[in-house]
């Protein structure tokens, strides 16, 4: 539970490289207690998540720019992708340079189960 309002200026936050090539994250909110988070995710064309995986909470993605795909699904600019907790999905790939707003209502992964 948030006990006070929070204002974040994304321009003042830094892009973080993660273990996946061509993917960067800019966290706008992290709740250390619940694991919930909001982040901007940048995928270079051709970058993505190489393996099927699942999450320990619900995942919500809004495509601000670009497009990416999962097997059988293409998600385009302006679309929302909702992936329920424990649903195996992936791999994914950015079909062009892509910017996504990604939210989790709890932790991304179960302890010791991060896929990359």
N, C-alpha and C. Protein backbone atom coordinates (compact mmCIF):
# COMPACT_ATOMS: atom_id res chain seq x y z
N UNK A 1 0.84 -1.19 0.00
CA UNK A 1 0.00 0.00 0.00
C UNK A 1 0.89 1.25 0.00
N UNK A 2 0.57 2.17 -0.86
CA UNK A 2 1.30 3.43 -0.92
C UNK A 2 0.69 4.38 0.10
N UNK A 3 1.53 4.94 0.98
CA UNK A 3 1.01 5.79 2.04
C UNK A 3 1.03 7.27 1.68
N UNK A 4 1.65 7.59 0.55
CA UNK A 4 1.66 8.98 0.10
C UNK A 4 1.82 9.02 -1.41
N UNK A 5 1.49 10.13 -1.98
CA UNK A 5 1.63 10.27 -3.42
C UNK A 5 3.10 10.21 -3.82
N UNK A 6 3.33 9.71 -5.03
CA UNK A 6 4.68 9.63 -5.56
C UNK A 6 4.67 10.27 -6.94
N UNK A 7 5.62 11.12 -7.21
CA UNK A 7 5.77 11.74 -8.51
C UNK A 7 7.14 11.38 -9.06
N UNK A 8 7.17 10.82 -10.27
CA UNK A 8 8.42 10.38 -10.89
C UNK A 8 8.59 11.10 -12.21
N UNK A 9 9.76 11.66 -12.44
CA UNK A 9 10.10 12.26 -13.72
C UNK A 9 11.00 11.27 -14.46
N UNK A 10 10.46 10.55 -15.46
CA UNK A 10 11.27 9.56 -16.17
C UNK A 10 12.57 10.12 -16.75
N UNK A 11 12.58 11.40 -17.08
CA UNK A 11 13.78 12.01 -17.65
C UNK A 11 14.94 12.02 -16.66
N UNK A 12 14.64 11.95 -15.37
CA UNK A 12 15.69 11.99 -14.35
C UNK A 12 16.16 10.60 -13.94
N UNK A 13 15.50 9.57 -14.44
CA UNK A 13 15.88 8.20 -14.11
C UNK A 13 16.84 7.67 -15.18
N UNK A 14 17.72 6.77 -14.78
CA UNK A 14 18.73 6.22 -15.68
C UNK A 14 18.25 4.90 -16.30
N UNK A 15 18.64 4.66 -17.56
CA UNK A 15 18.41 3.37 -18.19
C UNK A 15 19.41 2.38 -17.62
N UNK A 16 18.92 1.18 -17.27
CA UNK A 16 19.78 0.11 -16.75
C UNK A 16 19.88 -0.99 -17.79
N UNK A 17 21.10 -1.45 -18.04
CA UNK A 17 21.27 -2.63 -18.89
C UNK A 17 20.94 -3.84 -18.04
N UNK A 18 20.32 -4.84 -18.66
CA UNK A 18 20.07 -6.09 -17.96
C UNK A 18 20.85 -7.19 -18.67
N UNK A 19 20.70 -8.41 -18.22
CA UNK A 19 21.50 -9.53 -18.75
C UNK A 19 21.19 -9.84 -20.22
N UNK A 20 20.08 -9.34 -20.74
CA UNK A 20 19.71 -9.63 -22.12
C UNK A 20 20.24 -8.54 -23.05
N UNK A 21 20.99 -8.89 -24.09
CA UNK A 21 21.51 -7.89 -25.02
C UNK A 21 20.39 -7.13 -25.71
N UNK A 22 20.57 -5.82 -25.83
CA UNK A 22 19.61 -4.99 -26.54
C UNK A 22 18.38 -4.62 -25.75
N UNK A 23 18.37 -4.90 -24.44
CA UNK A 23 17.23 -4.59 -23.58
C UNK A 23 17.69 -3.70 -22.44
N UNK A 24 16.97 -2.60 -22.22
CA UNK A 24 17.27 -1.67 -21.13
C UNK A 24 15.99 -1.37 -20.37
N UNK A 25 16.14 -1.12 -19.07
CA UNK A 25 15.00 -0.85 -18.20
C UNK A 25 15.20 0.49 -17.51
N UNK A 26 14.12 1.19 -17.32
CA UNK A 26 14.12 2.42 -16.52
C UNK A 26 13.00 2.26 -15.50
N UNK A 27 13.36 1.96 -14.26
CA UNK A 27 12.33 1.74 -13.24
C UNK A 27 11.75 3.07 -12.79
N UNK A 28 10.43 3.14 -12.79
CA UNK A 28 9.71 4.32 -12.35
C UNK A 28 9.17 4.12 -10.93
N UNK A 29 9.00 2.85 -10.56
CA UNK A 29 8.47 2.53 -9.23
C UNK A 29 8.85 1.10 -8.88
N UNK A 30 9.30 0.90 -7.66
CA UNK A 30 9.55 -0.45 -7.13
C UNK A 30 9.06 -0.48 -5.69
N UNK A 31 8.26 -1.49 -5.38
CA UNK A 31 7.84 -1.70 -4.01
C UNK A 31 8.64 -2.88 -3.48
N UNK A 32 9.62 -2.60 -2.65
CA UNK A 32 10.51 -3.64 -2.15
C UNK A 32 9.77 -4.67 -1.31
N UNK A 33 8.67 -4.27 -0.68
CA UNK A 33 7.91 -5.17 0.18
C UNK A 33 7.10 -6.18 -0.63
N UNK A 34 6.43 -5.72 -1.70
CA UNK A 34 5.53 -6.59 -2.47
C UNK A 34 6.15 -7.11 -3.76
N UNK A 35 7.19 -6.42 -4.25
CA UNK A 35 7.78 -6.78 -5.54
C UNK A 35 7.12 -6.11 -6.72
N UNK A 36 6.02 -5.39 -6.49
CA UNK A 36 5.33 -4.68 -7.58
C UNK A 36 6.27 -3.64 -8.18
N UNK A 37 6.11 -3.40 -9.49
CA UNK A 37 6.98 -2.43 -10.15
C UNK A 37 6.33 -1.86 -11.39
N UNK A 38 6.84 -0.71 -11.79
CA UNK A 38 6.48 -0.06 -13.05
C UNK A 38 7.79 0.35 -13.70
N UNK A 39 7.96 0.01 -14.98
CA UNK A 39 9.21 0.33 -15.66
C UNK A 39 8.96 0.62 -17.13
N UNK A 40 9.81 1.44 -17.69
CA UNK A 40 9.90 1.58 -19.14
C UNK A 40 10.93 0.56 -19.62
N UNK A 41 10.63 -0.15 -20.69
CA UNK A 41 11.53 -1.16 -21.24
C UNK A 41 11.80 -0.81 -22.70
N UNK A 42 13.08 -0.73 -23.03
CA UNK A 42 13.49 -0.49 -24.42
C UNK A 42 14.10 -1.75 -24.99
N UNK A 43 13.58 -2.15 -26.14
CA UNK A 43 14.10 -3.32 -26.85
C UNK A 43 14.61 -2.85 -28.20
N UNK A 44 15.88 -3.10 -28.49
CA UNK A 44 16.39 -2.86 -29.84
C UNK A 44 15.74 -3.88 -30.77
N UNK A 45 15.60 -3.52 -32.03
CA UNK A 45 15.06 -4.46 -33.01
C UNK A 45 15.84 -5.77 -32.94
N UNK A 46 15.12 -6.88 -32.85
CA UNK A 46 15.74 -8.19 -32.79
C UNK A 46 16.02 -8.69 -31.38
N UNK A 47 15.98 -7.80 -30.38
CA UNK A 47 16.20 -8.20 -28.99
C UNK A 47 14.92 -8.80 -28.42
N UNK A 48 15.06 -9.54 -27.35
CA UNK A 48 13.88 -10.11 -26.72
C UNK A 48 14.23 -11.07 -25.60
N UNK A 49 13.24 -11.84 -25.21
CA UNK A 49 13.41 -12.86 -24.18
C UNK A 49 13.52 -14.19 -24.91
N UNK A 50 14.67 -14.87 -24.84
CA UNK A 50 14.92 -16.01 -25.71
C UNK A 50 14.23 -17.33 -25.33
N UNK A 51 13.72 -17.44 -24.11
CA UNK A 51 13.17 -18.70 -23.64
C UNK A 51 11.74 -18.54 -23.13
N UNK A 52 10.92 -19.58 -23.22
CA UNK A 52 9.62 -19.56 -22.54
C UNK A 52 9.87 -19.40 -21.02
N UNK A 53 9.00 -18.66 -20.37
CA UNK A 53 9.16 -18.42 -18.94
C UNK A 53 7.80 -18.05 -18.35
N UNK A 54 7.75 -17.90 -17.04
CA UNK A 54 6.53 -17.46 -16.36
C UNK A 54 6.90 -16.46 -15.29
N UNK A 55 5.87 -15.78 -14.77
CA UNK A 55 6.08 -14.77 -13.74
C UNK A 55 5.31 -15.12 -12.48
N UNK A 56 5.80 -14.63 -11.36
CA UNK A 56 5.20 -14.89 -10.05
C UNK A 56 4.06 -13.92 -9.75
N UNK A 57 3.73 -13.06 -10.69
CA UNK A 57 2.61 -12.12 -10.52
C UNK A 57 2.06 -11.78 -11.90
N UNK A 58 1.00 -11.00 -11.92
CA UNK A 58 0.41 -10.57 -13.19
C UNK A 58 1.29 -9.52 -13.85
N UNK A 59 1.43 -9.63 -15.16
CA UNK A 59 2.27 -8.72 -15.96
C UNK A 59 1.36 -7.94 -16.89
N UNK A 60 1.57 -6.63 -16.97
CA UNK A 60 0.81 -5.74 -17.84
C UNK A 60 1.78 -4.94 -18.68
N UNK A 61 1.59 -4.93 -19.99
CA UNK A 61 2.50 -4.20 -20.88
C UNK A 61 1.68 -3.33 -21.82
N UNK A 62 2.06 -2.06 -21.92
CA UNK A 62 1.46 -1.12 -22.87
C UNK A 62 2.56 -0.70 -23.84
N UNK A 63 2.34 -0.91 -25.13
CA UNK A 63 3.35 -0.58 -26.13
C UNK A 63 3.22 0.90 -26.50
N UNK A 64 4.23 1.66 -26.12
CA UNK A 64 4.27 3.10 -26.42
C UNK A 64 4.76 3.36 -27.83
N UNK A 65 5.68 2.51 -28.29
CA UNK A 65 6.27 2.68 -29.62
C UNK A 65 6.77 1.32 -30.10
N UNK A 66 6.60 1.03 -31.37
CA UNK A 66 7.15 -0.19 -31.95
C UNK A 66 6.19 -1.36 -31.89
N UNK A 67 6.78 -2.57 -32.00
CA UNK A 67 5.99 -3.80 -31.93
C UNK A 67 6.90 -4.97 -31.61
N UNK A 68 6.32 -5.98 -30.97
CA UNK A 68 7.05 -7.19 -30.63
C UNK A 68 6.12 -8.38 -30.78
N UNK A 69 6.70 -9.57 -30.74
CA UNK A 69 5.86 -10.75 -30.90
C UNK A 69 6.23 -11.84 -29.91
N UNK A 70 5.22 -12.60 -29.56
CA UNK A 70 5.31 -13.89 -28.88
C UNK A 70 4.81 -14.89 -29.90
N UNK A 71 5.06 -16.18 -29.72
CA UNK A 71 4.53 -17.15 -30.69
C UNK A 71 3.01 -16.99 -30.87
N UNK A 72 2.61 -16.68 -32.10
CA UNK A 72 1.20 -16.53 -32.42
C UNK A 72 0.57 -15.20 -32.07
N UNK A 73 1.35 -14.27 -31.49
CA UNK A 73 0.81 -12.98 -31.06
C UNK A 73 1.74 -11.87 -31.53
N UNK A 74 1.18 -10.83 -32.15
CA UNK A 74 1.96 -9.62 -32.45
C UNK A 74 1.33 -8.47 -31.69
N UNK A 75 2.13 -7.78 -30.89
CA UNK A 75 1.65 -6.67 -30.06
C UNK A 75 2.20 -5.38 -30.66
N UNK A 76 1.30 -4.48 -31.03
CA UNK A 76 1.68 -3.25 -31.74
C UNK A 76 1.48 -2.02 -30.87
N UNK A 77 2.06 -0.92 -31.33
CA UNK A 77 1.92 0.37 -30.67
C UNK A 77 0.46 0.64 -30.32
N UNK A 78 0.22 1.04 -29.07
CA UNK A 78 -1.12 1.34 -28.60
C UNK A 78 -1.86 0.15 -28.02
N UNK A 79 -1.29 -1.05 -28.14
CA UNK A 79 -1.95 -2.24 -27.61
C UNK A 79 -1.48 -2.53 -26.18
N UNK A 80 -2.33 -3.26 -25.45
CA UNK A 80 -2.02 -3.71 -24.10
C UNK A 80 -1.93 -5.23 -24.12
N UNK A 81 -0.89 -5.76 -23.51
CA UNK A 81 -0.69 -7.20 -23.37
C UNK A 81 -0.78 -7.51 -21.88
N UNK A 82 -1.67 -8.43 -21.51
CA UNK A 82 -1.84 -8.83 -20.12
C UNK A 82 -1.51 -10.31 -20.02
N UNK A 83 -0.57 -10.63 -19.17
CA UNK A 83 -0.13 -12.00 -18.99
C UNK A 83 -0.38 -12.40 -17.54
N UNK A 84 -1.28 -13.36 -17.30
CA UNK A 84 -1.59 -13.73 -15.92
C UNK A 84 -0.46 -14.49 -15.23
N UNK A 85 -0.44 -14.37 -13.93
CA UNK A 85 0.52 -15.09 -13.09
C UNK A 85 0.57 -16.56 -13.47
N UNK A 86 1.79 -17.10 -13.55
CA UNK A 86 2.06 -18.51 -13.81
C UNK A 86 1.76 -18.98 -15.24
N UNK A 87 1.43 -18.07 -16.14
CA UNK A 87 1.20 -18.44 -17.54
C UNK A 87 2.55 -18.49 -18.27
N UNK A 88 2.90 -19.64 -18.82
CA UNK A 88 4.15 -19.76 -19.57
C UNK A 88 3.96 -19.06 -20.91
N UNK A 89 4.90 -18.17 -21.24
CA UNK A 89 4.84 -17.41 -22.49
C UNK A 89 6.26 -17.20 -23.00
N UNK A 90 6.36 -16.82 -24.27
CA UNK A 90 7.68 -16.59 -24.86
C UNK A 90 8.08 -17.76 -25.72
N UNK A 91 9.18 -17.61 -26.40
CA UNK A 91 10.07 -16.45 -26.40
C UNK A 91 9.42 -15.23 -27.07
N UNK A 92 10.05 -14.08 -26.91
CA UNK A 92 9.56 -12.86 -27.55
C UNK A 92 10.69 -12.19 -28.30
N UNK A 93 10.32 -11.37 -29.28
CA UNK A 93 11.32 -10.63 -30.06
C UNK A 93 10.73 -9.29 -30.49
N UNK A 94 11.54 -8.24 -30.43
CA UNK A 94 11.13 -6.93 -30.91
C UNK A 94 11.26 -6.92 -32.43
N UNK A 95 10.17 -6.64 -33.11
CA UNK A 95 10.15 -6.61 -34.57
C UNK A 95 10.70 -5.29 -35.11
N UNK A 96 10.80 -4.31 -34.25
CA UNK A 96 11.44 -3.02 -34.54
C UNK A 96 11.83 -2.43 -33.18
N UNK A 97 12.57 -1.33 -33.16
CA UNK A 97 12.88 -0.69 -31.89
C UNK A 97 11.57 -0.45 -31.16
N UNK A 98 11.49 -0.87 -29.89
CA UNK A 98 10.22 -0.88 -29.17
C UNK A 98 10.38 -0.29 -27.78
N UNK A 99 9.39 0.48 -27.35
CA UNK A 99 9.34 1.06 -26.01
C UNK A 99 8.04 0.61 -25.36
N UNK A 100 8.15 0.01 -24.19
CA UNK A 100 7.00 -0.57 -23.49
C UNK A 100 6.95 -0.02 -22.06
N UNK A 101 5.74 0.24 -21.58
CA UNK A 101 5.51 0.49 -20.16
C UNK A 101 5.06 -0.84 -19.57
N UNK A 102 5.84 -1.37 -18.64
CA UNK A 102 5.58 -2.69 -18.07
C UNK A 102 5.30 -2.57 -16.58
N UNK A 103 4.24 -3.26 -16.12
CA UNK A 103 3.85 -3.23 -14.72
C UNK A 103 3.65 -4.65 -14.20
N UNK A 104 4.06 -4.87 -12.98
CA UNK A 104 3.82 -6.13 -12.27
C UNK A 104 3.12 -5.79 -10.96
N UNK A 105 2.13 -6.61 -10.57
CA UNK A 105 1.44 -6.37 -9.31
C UNK A 105 2.07 -7.15 -8.15
N UNK A 106 3.23 -7.71 -8.39
CA UNK A 106 4.00 -8.43 -7.38
C UNK A 106 5.37 -8.71 -7.96
N UNK A 107 6.08 -9.69 -7.43
CA UNK A 107 7.44 -9.97 -7.91
C UNK A 107 7.44 -10.51 -9.33
N UNK A 108 8.49 -10.22 -10.08
CA UNK A 108 8.60 -10.71 -11.46
C UNK A 108 8.72 -12.22 -11.48
N UNK A 109 9.61 -12.74 -10.65
CA UNK A 109 9.93 -14.17 -10.70
C UNK A 109 9.90 -14.75 -9.30
N UNK A 110 9.74 -16.06 -9.25
CA UNK A 110 9.86 -16.78 -7.98
C UNK A 110 11.34 -16.81 -7.58
N UNK A 111 11.64 -16.84 -6.30
CA UNK A 111 13.04 -16.86 -5.87
C UNK A 111 13.82 -17.99 -6.55
N UNK A 112 14.96 -17.64 -7.12
CA UNK A 112 15.82 -18.61 -7.78
C UNK A 112 15.35 -19.07 -9.15
N UNK A 113 14.31 -18.44 -9.72
CA UNK A 113 13.73 -18.90 -10.98
C UNK A 113 13.85 -17.88 -12.12
N UNK A 114 14.70 -16.87 -11.98
CA UNK A 114 14.86 -15.88 -13.04
C UNK A 114 15.40 -16.58 -14.30
N UNK A 115 14.73 -16.40 -15.47
CA UNK A 115 15.10 -17.18 -16.65
C UNK A 115 16.38 -16.71 -17.36
N UNK A 116 16.96 -15.61 -16.97
CA UNK A 116 18.16 -15.12 -17.65
C UNK A 116 19.09 -14.46 -16.64
